[in-house]
């Protein structure tokens, strides 16, 4: 169950930020927890997909300078 994203959406909304994108990666403990070793490939695939999503989002942000 995801409690972080709804909380952060509400928090940012209270600040007036409605256009917020979240990028998730799964199995983040797989590289460091021996009993999760079988999921390391799935973690890497999830991590790569998340990094690609962040890059795609970053290219959508217009290059603007703040008004003085």
PDB file of N, CA and C in Angstrom:
ATOM      1  N   UNK A   1       0.847  -1.178   0.000  1.00  0.00           N
ATOM      2  CA  UNK A   1       0.000   0.000   0.000  1.00  0.00           C
ATOM      3  C   UNK A   1       0.891   1.240   0.000  1.00  0.00           C
ATOM      4  N   UNK A   2       0.523   2.178  -0.810  1.00  0.00           N
ATOM      5  CA  UNK A   2       1.316   3.391  -0.978  1.00  0.00           C
ATOM      6  C   UNK A   2       0.706   4.519  -0.149  1.00  0.00           C
ATOM      7  N   UNK A   3       1.419   4.914   0.894  1.00  0.00           N
ATOM      8  CA  UNK A   3       0.965   6.024   1.725  1.00  0.00           C
ATOM      9  C   UNK A   3       1.729   7.311   1.401  1.00  0.00           C
ATOM     10  N   UNK A   4       2.885   7.172   0.806  1.00  0.00           N
ATOM     11  CA  UNK A   4       3.724   8.341   0.561  1.00  0.00           C
ATOM     12  C   UNK A   4       3.170   9.246  -0.536  1.00  0.00           C
ATOM     13  N   UNK A   5       2.819   8.660  -1.669  1.00  0.00           N
ATOM     14  CA  UNK A   5       2.374   9.497  -2.782  1.00  0.00           C
ATOM     15  C   UNK A   5       1.109  10.292  -2.451  1.00  0.00           C
ATOM     16  N   UNK A   6       0.054   9.677  -1.889  1.00  0.00           N
ATOM     17  CA  UNK A   6      -1.130  10.480  -1.543  1.00  0.00           C
ATOM     18  C   UNK A   6      -0.809  11.599  -0.538  1.00  0.00           C
ATOM     19  N   UNK A   7       0.041  11.278   0.432  1.00  0.00           N
ATOM     20  CA  UNK A   7       0.435  12.299   1.410  1.00  0.00           C
ATOM     21  C   UNK A   7       1.166  13.447   0.718  1.00  0.00           C
ATOM     22  N   UNK A   8       2.130  13.111  -0.131  1.00  0.00           N
ATOM     23  CA  UNK A   8       2.896  14.155  -0.819  1.00  0.00           C
ATOM     24  C   UNK A   8       2.030  14.948  -1.789  1.00  0.00           C
ATOM     25  N   UNK A   9       1.090  14.279  -2.458  1.00  0.00           N
ATOM     26  CA  UNK A   9       0.165  15.013  -3.340  1.00  0.00           C
ATOM     27  C   UNK A   9      -0.633  16.034  -2.540  1.00  0.00           C
ATOM     28  N   UNK A  10      -1.141  15.632  -1.375  1.00  0.00           N
ATOM     29  CA  UNK A  10      -1.905  16.552  -0.526  1.00  0.00           C
ATOM     30  C   UNK A  10      -1.018  17.694  -0.039  1.00  0.00           C
ATOM     31  N   UNK A  11       0.199  17.375   0.356  1.00  0.00           N
ATOM     32  CA  UNK A  11       1.129  18.394   0.851  1.00  0.00           C
ATOM     33  C   UNK A  11       1.447  19.414  -0.242  1.00  0.00           C
ATOM     34  N   UNK A  12       1.828  18.919  -1.417  1.00  0.00           N
ATOM     35  CA  UNK A  12       2.169  19.829  -2.510  1.00  0.00           C
ATOM     36  C   UNK A  12       0.948  20.611  -2.980  1.00  0.00           C
ATOM     37  N   UNK A  13      -0.215  19.994  -2.943  1.00  0.00           N
ATOM     38  CA  UNK A  13      -1.440  20.683  -3.311  1.00  0.00           C
ATOM     39  C   UNK A  13      -1.697  21.862  -2.374  1.00  0.00           C
ATOM     40  N   UNK A  14      -1.433  21.662  -1.087  1.00  0.00           N
ATOM     41  CA  UNK A  14      -1.604  22.744  -0.119  1.00  0.00           C
ATOM     42  C   UNK A  14      -0.651  23.900  -0.406  1.00  0.00           C
ATOM     43  N   UNK A  15       0.464  23.595  -1.065  1.00  0.00           N
ATOM     44  CA  UNK A  15       1.427  24.635  -1.448  1.00  0.00           C
ATOM     45  C   UNK A  15       1.090  25.250  -2.807  1.00  0.00           C
ATOM     46  N   UNK A  16       0.055  24.723  -3.451  1.00  0.00           N
ATOM     47  CA  UNK A  16      -0.350  25.239  -4.750  1.00  0.00           C
ATOM     48  C   UNK A  16       0.278  24.527  -5.929  1.00  0.00           C
ATOM     49  N   UNK A  17       0.924  23.411  -5.680  1.00  0.00           N
ATOM     50  CA  UNK A  17       1.565  22.648  -6.756  1.00  0.00           C
ATOM     51  C   UNK A  17       0.673  21.465  -7.113  1.00  0.00           C
ATOM     52  N   UNK A  18       0.011  21.559  -8.251  1.00  0.00           N
ATOM     53  CA  UNK A  18      -0.924  20.505  -8.660  1.00  0.00           C
ATOM     54  C   UNK A  18      -0.330  19.580  -9.719  1.00  0.00           C
ATOM     55  N   UNK A  19       0.570  20.083 -10.536  1.00  0.00           N
ATOM     56  CA  UNK A  19       1.140  19.305 -11.635  1.00  0.00           C
ATOM     57  C   UNK A  19       2.417  18.611 -11.160  1.00  0.00           C
ATOM     58  N   UNK A  20       2.252  17.558 -10.378  1.00  0.00           N
ATOM     59  CA  UNK A  20       3.380  16.835  -9.797  1.00  0.00           C
ATOM     60  C   UNK A  20       3.407  15.428 -10.376  1.00  0.00           C
ATOM     61  N   UNK A  21       4.568  15.001 -10.827  1.00  0.00           N
ATOM     62  CA  UNK A  21       4.743  13.651 -11.358  1.00  0.00           C
ATOM     63  C   UNK A  21       5.591  12.850 -10.372  1.00  0.00           C
ATOM     64  N   UNK A  22       5.199  11.614 -10.130  1.00  0.00           N
ATOM     65  CA  UNK A  22       5.963  10.723  -9.276  1.00  0.00           C
ATOM     66  C   UNK A  22       6.535   9.603 -10.127  1.00  0.00           C
ATOM     67  N   UNK A  23       7.772   9.252  -9.855  1.00  0.00           N
ATOM     68  CA  UNK A  23       8.436   8.153 -10.545  1.00  0.00           C
ATOM     69  C   UNK A  23       8.816   7.142  -9.474  1.00  0.00           C
ATOM     70  N   UNK A  24       8.453   5.906  -9.711  1.00  0.00           N
ATOM     71  CA  UNK A  24       8.677   4.849  -8.725  1.00  0.00           C
ATOM     72  C   UNK A  24       9.683   3.830  -9.239  1.00  0.00           C
ATOM     73  N   UNK A  25      10.442   3.274  -8.318  1.00  0.00           N
ATOM     74  CA  UNK A  25      11.294   2.136  -8.621  1.00  0.00           C
ATOM     75  C   UNK A  25      11.003   1.067  -7.579  1.00  0.00           C
ATOM     76  N   UNK A  26      11.111  -0.160  -7.969  1.00  0.00           N
ATOM     77  CA  UNK A  26      10.726  -1.277  -7.112  1.00  0.00           C
ATOM     78  C   UNK A  26      11.950  -2.064  -6.644  1.00  0.00           C
ATOM     79  N   UNK A  27      11.744  -2.804  -5.593  1.00  0.00           N
ATOM     80  CA  UNK A  27      12.739  -3.748  -5.074  1.00  0.00           C
ATOM     81  C   UNK A  27      14.072  -3.074  -4.762  1.00  0.00           C
ATOM     82  N   UNK A  28      14.007  -1.940  -4.106  1.00  0.00           N
ATOM     83  CA  UNK A  28      15.210  -1.136  -3.869  1.00  0.00           C
ATOM     84  C   UNK A  28      16.204  -1.786  -2.909  1.00  0.00           C
ATOM     85  N   UNK A  29      15.757  -2.758  -2.131  1.00  0.00           N
ATOM     86  CA  UNK A  29      16.673  -3.442  -1.213  1.00  0.00           C
ATOM     87  C   UNK A  29      17.319  -4.680  -1.831  1.00  0.00           C
ATOM     88  N   UNK A  30      16.899  -5.058  -3.025  1.00  0.00           N
ATOM     89  CA  UNK A  30      17.426  -6.272  -3.648  1.00  0.00           C
ATOM     90  C   UNK A  30      18.956  -6.280  -3.784  1.00  0.00           C
ATOM     91  N   UNK A  31      19.592  -5.163  -4.115  1.00  0.00           N
ATOM     92  CA  UNK A  31      21.055  -5.209  -4.264  1.00  0.00           C
ATOM     93  C   UNK A  31      21.819  -5.407  -2.950  1.00  0.00           C
ATOM     94  N   UNK A  32      21.200  -5.120  -1.818  1.00  0.00           N
ATOM     95  CA  UNK A  32      21.942  -5.159  -0.558  1.00  0.00           C
ATOM     96  C   UNK A  32      21.462  -6.231   0.419  1.00  0.00           C
ATOM     97  N   UNK A  33      20.317  -6.814   0.163  1.00  0.00           N
ATOM     98  CA  UNK A  33      19.782  -7.838   1.062  1.00  0.00           C
ATOM     99  C   UNK A  33      19.970  -9.209   0.411  1.00  0.00           C
ATOM    100  N   UNK A  34      20.794 -10.060   1.011  1.00  0.00           N
ATOM    101  CA  UNK A  34      21.082 -11.363   0.391  1.00  0.00           C
ATOM    102  C   UNK A  34      19.838 -12.191   0.076  1.00  0.00           C
ATOM    103  N   UNK A  35      18.815 -12.152   0.915  1.00  0.00           N
ATOM    104  CA  UNK A  35      17.635 -12.972   0.671  1.00  0.00           C
ATOM    105  C   UNK A  35      16.775 -12.440  -0.480  1.00  0.00           C
ATOM    106  N   UNK A  36      17.103 -11.257  -0.994  1.00  0.00           N
ATOM    107  CA  UNK A  36      16.400 -10.697  -2.148  1.00  0.00           C
ATOM    108  C   UNK A  36      17.227 -10.792  -3.435  1.00  0.00           C
ATOM    109  N   UNK A  37      18.308 -11.526  -3.383  1.00  0.00           N
ATOM    110  CA  UNK A  37      19.228 -11.616  -4.525  1.00  0.00           C
ATOM    111  C   UNK A  37      18.516 -12.060  -5.801  1.00  0.00           C
ATOM    112  N   UNK A  38      17.509 -12.885  -5.671  1.00  0.00           N
ATOM    113  CA  UNK A  38      16.797 -13.373  -6.858  1.00  0.00           C
ATOM    114  C   UNK A  38      16.045 -12.270  -7.595  1.00  0.00           C
ATOM    115  N   UNK A  39      15.867 -11.110  -6.947  1.00  0.00           N
ATOM    116  CA  UNK A  39      15.123 -10.004  -7.540  1.00  0.00           C
ATOM    117  C   UNK A  39      16.017  -8.886  -8.068  1.00  0.00           C
ATOM    118  N   UNK A  40      17.313  -9.109  -8.078  1.00  0.00           N
ATOM    119  CA  UNK A  40      18.236  -8.042  -8.500  1.00  0.00           C
ATOM    120  C   UNK A  40      18.017  -7.619  -9.949  1.00  0.00           C
ATOM    121  N   UNK A  41      17.769  -8.563 -10.832  1.00  0.00           N
ATOM    122  CA  UNK A  41      17.519  -8.207 -12.236  1.00  0.00           C
ATOM    123  C   UNK A  41      16.236  -7.386 -12.365  1.00  0.00           C
ATOM    124  N   UNK A  42      15.208  -7.768 -11.612  1.00  0.00           N
ATOM    125  CA  UNK A  42      13.950  -7.007 -11.640  1.00  0.00           C
ATOM    126  C   UNK A  42      14.164  -5.601 -11.093  1.00  0.00           C
ATOM    127  N   UNK A  43      14.992  -5.485 -10.064  1.00  0.00           N
ATOM    128  CA  UNK A  43      15.305  -4.157  -9.514  1.00  0.00           C
ATOM    129  C   UNK A  43      16.013  -3.303 -10.562  1.00  0.00           C
ATOM    130  N   UNK A  44      16.995  -3.866 -11.226  1.00  0.00           N
ATOM    131  CA  UNK A  44      17.741  -3.103 -12.235  1.00  0.00           C
ATOM    132  C   UNK A  44      16.827  -2.664 -13.373  1.00  0.00           C
ATOM    133  N   UNK A  45      15.914  -3.527 -13.791  1.00  0.00           N
ATOM    134  CA  UNK A  45      14.968  -3.158 -14.846  1.00  0.00           C
ATOM    135  C   UNK A  45      14.060  -2.024 -14.372  1.00  0.00           C
ATOM    136  N   UNK A  46      13.603  -2.108 -13.125  1.00  0.00           N
ATOM    137  CA  UNK A  46      12.746  -1.063 -12.563  1.00  0.00           C
ATOM    138  C   UNK A  46      13.511   0.252 -12.422  1.00  0.00           C
ATOM    139  N   UNK A  47      14.737   0.156 -11.978  1.00  0.00           N
ATOM    140  CA  UNK A  47      15.577   1.349 -11.802  1.00  0.00           C
ATOM    141  C   UNK A  47      15.849   2.020 -13.147  1.00  0.00           C
ATOM    142  N   UNK A  48      16.168   1.223 -14.152  1.00  0.00           N
ATOM    143  CA  UNK A  48      16.411   1.763 -15.487  1.00  0.00           C
ATOM    144  C   UNK A  48      15.159   2.447 -16.034  1.00  0.00           C
ATOM    145  N   UNK A  49      14.012   1.816 -15.854  1.00  0.00           N
ATOM    146  CA  UNK A  49      12.757   2.415 -16.322  1.00  0.00           C
ATOM    147  C   UNK A  49      12.483   3.727 -15.593  1.00  0.00           C
ATOM    148  N   UNK A  50      12.766   3.775 -14.299  1.00  0.00           N
ATOM    149  CA  UNK A  50      12.544   4.998 -13.527  1.00  0.00           C
ATOM    150  C   UNK A  50      13.473   6.110 -13.995  1.00  0.00           C
ATOM    151  N   UNK A  51      14.732   5.788 -14.230  1.00  0.00           N
ATOM    152  CA  UNK A  51      15.674   6.801 -14.718  1.00  0.00           C
ATOM    153  C   UNK A  51      15.266   7.310 -16.095  1.00  0.00           C
ATOM    154  N   UNK A  52      14.794   6.414 -16.953  1.00  0.00           N
ATOM    155  CA  UNK A  52      14.311   6.831 -18.269  1.00  0.00           C
ATOM    156  C   UNK A  52      13.099   7.756 -18.135  1.00  0.00           C
ATOM    157  N   UNK A  53      12.202   7.432 -17.198  1.00  0.00           N
ATOM    158  CA  UNK A  53      11.021   8.275 -16.974  1.00  0.00           C
ATOM    159  C   UNK A  53      11.425   9.656 -16.470  1.00  0.00           C
ATOM    160  N   UNK A  54      12.409   9.714 -15.583  1.00  0.00           N
ATOM    161  CA  UNK A  54      12.883  11.006 -15.076  1.00  0.00           C
ATOM    162  C   UNK A  54      13.507  11.820 -16.203  1.00  0.00           C
ATOM    163  N   UNK A  55      14.276  11.162 -17.040  1.00  0.00           N
ATOM    164  CA  UNK A  55      14.882  11.872 -18.173  1.00  0.00           C
ATOM    165  C   UNK A  55      13.811  12.408 -19.112  1.00  0.00           C
ATOM    166  N   UNK A  56      12.791  11.612 -19.385  1.00  0.00           N
ATOM    167  CA  UNK A  56      11.697  12.059 -20.254  1.00  0.00           C
ATOM    168  C   UNK A  56      10.955  13.236 -19.635  1.00  0.00           C
ATOM    169  N   UNK A  57      10.735  13.187 -18.340  1.00  0.00           N
ATOM    170  CA  UNK A  57      10.070  14.306 -17.663  1.00  0.00           C
ATOM    171  C   UNK A  57      10.938  15.563 -17.697  1.00  0.00           C
ATOM    172  N   UNK A  58      12.240  15.386 -17.520  1.00  0.00           N
ATOM    173  CA  UNK A  58      13.146  16.535 -17.503  1.00  0.00           C
ATOM    174  C   UNK A  58      13.181  17.238 -18.855  1.00  0.00           C
ATOM    175  N   UNK A  59      13.008  16.505 -19.927  1.00  0.00           N
ATOM    176  CA  UNK A  59      13.027  17.139 -21.240  1.00  0.00           C
ATOM    177  C   UNK A  59      11.742  17.905 -21.513  1.00  0.00           C
ATOM    178  N   UNK A  60      10.688  17.646 -20.733  1.00  0.00           N
ATOM    179  CA  UNK A  60       9.426  18.373 -20.896  1.00  0.00           C
ATOM    180  C   UNK A  60       9.446  19.713 -20.174  1.00  0.00           C
ATOM    181  N   UNK A  61      10.372  19.897 -19.254  1.00  0.00           N
ATOM    182  CA  UNK A  61      10.432  21.139 -18.477  1.00  0.00           C
ATOM    183  C   UNK A  61      11.034  22.233 -19.346  1.00  0.00           C
ATOM    184  N   UNK A  62      10.312  23.333 -19.517  1.00  0.00           N
ATOM    185  CA  UNK A  62      10.861  24.411 -20.355  1.00  0.00           C
ATOM    186  C   UNK A  62      12.047  25.084 -19.660  1.00  0.00           C
ATOM    187  N   UNK A  63      12.992  25.479 -20.457  1.00  0.00           N
ATOM    188  CA  UNK A  63      14.151  26.186 -19.938  1.00  0.00           C
ATOM    189  C   UNK A  63      13.732  27.637 -19.674  1.00  0.00           C
ATOM    190  N   UNK A  64      13.478  27.958 -18.439  1.00  0.00           N
ATOM    191  CA  UNK A  64      13.047  29.306 -18.076  1.00  0.00           C
ATOM    192  C   UNK A  64      13.970  29.865 -16.996  1.00  0.00           C
ATOM    193  N   UNK A  65      14.091  31.149 -17.001  1.00  0.00           N
ATOM    194  CA  UNK A  65      14.795  31.807 -15.916  1.00  0.00           C
ATOM    195  C   UNK A  65      13.746  32.502 -15.058  1.00  0.00           C
ATOM    196  N   UNK A  66      13.898  32.438 -13.767  1.00  0.00           N
ATOM    197  CA  UNK A  66      12.921  33.074 -12.885  1.00  0.00           C
ATOM    198  C   UNK A  66      12.861  34.587 -13.124  1.00  0.00           C
ATOM    199  N   UNK A  67      11.667  35.128 -12.986  1.00  0.00           N
ATOM    200  CA  UNK A  67      11.497  36.582 -13.127  1.00  0.00           C
ATOM    201  C   UNK A  67      12.178  37.278 -11.955  1.00  0.00           C
ATOM    202  N   UNK A  68      12.856  38.348 -12.258  1.00  0.00           N
ATOM    203  CA  UNK A  68      13.564  39.084 -11.211  1.00  0.00           C
ATOM    204  C   UNK A  68      12.655  39.965 -10.410  1.00  0.00           C
TER     205      UNK A  68
END
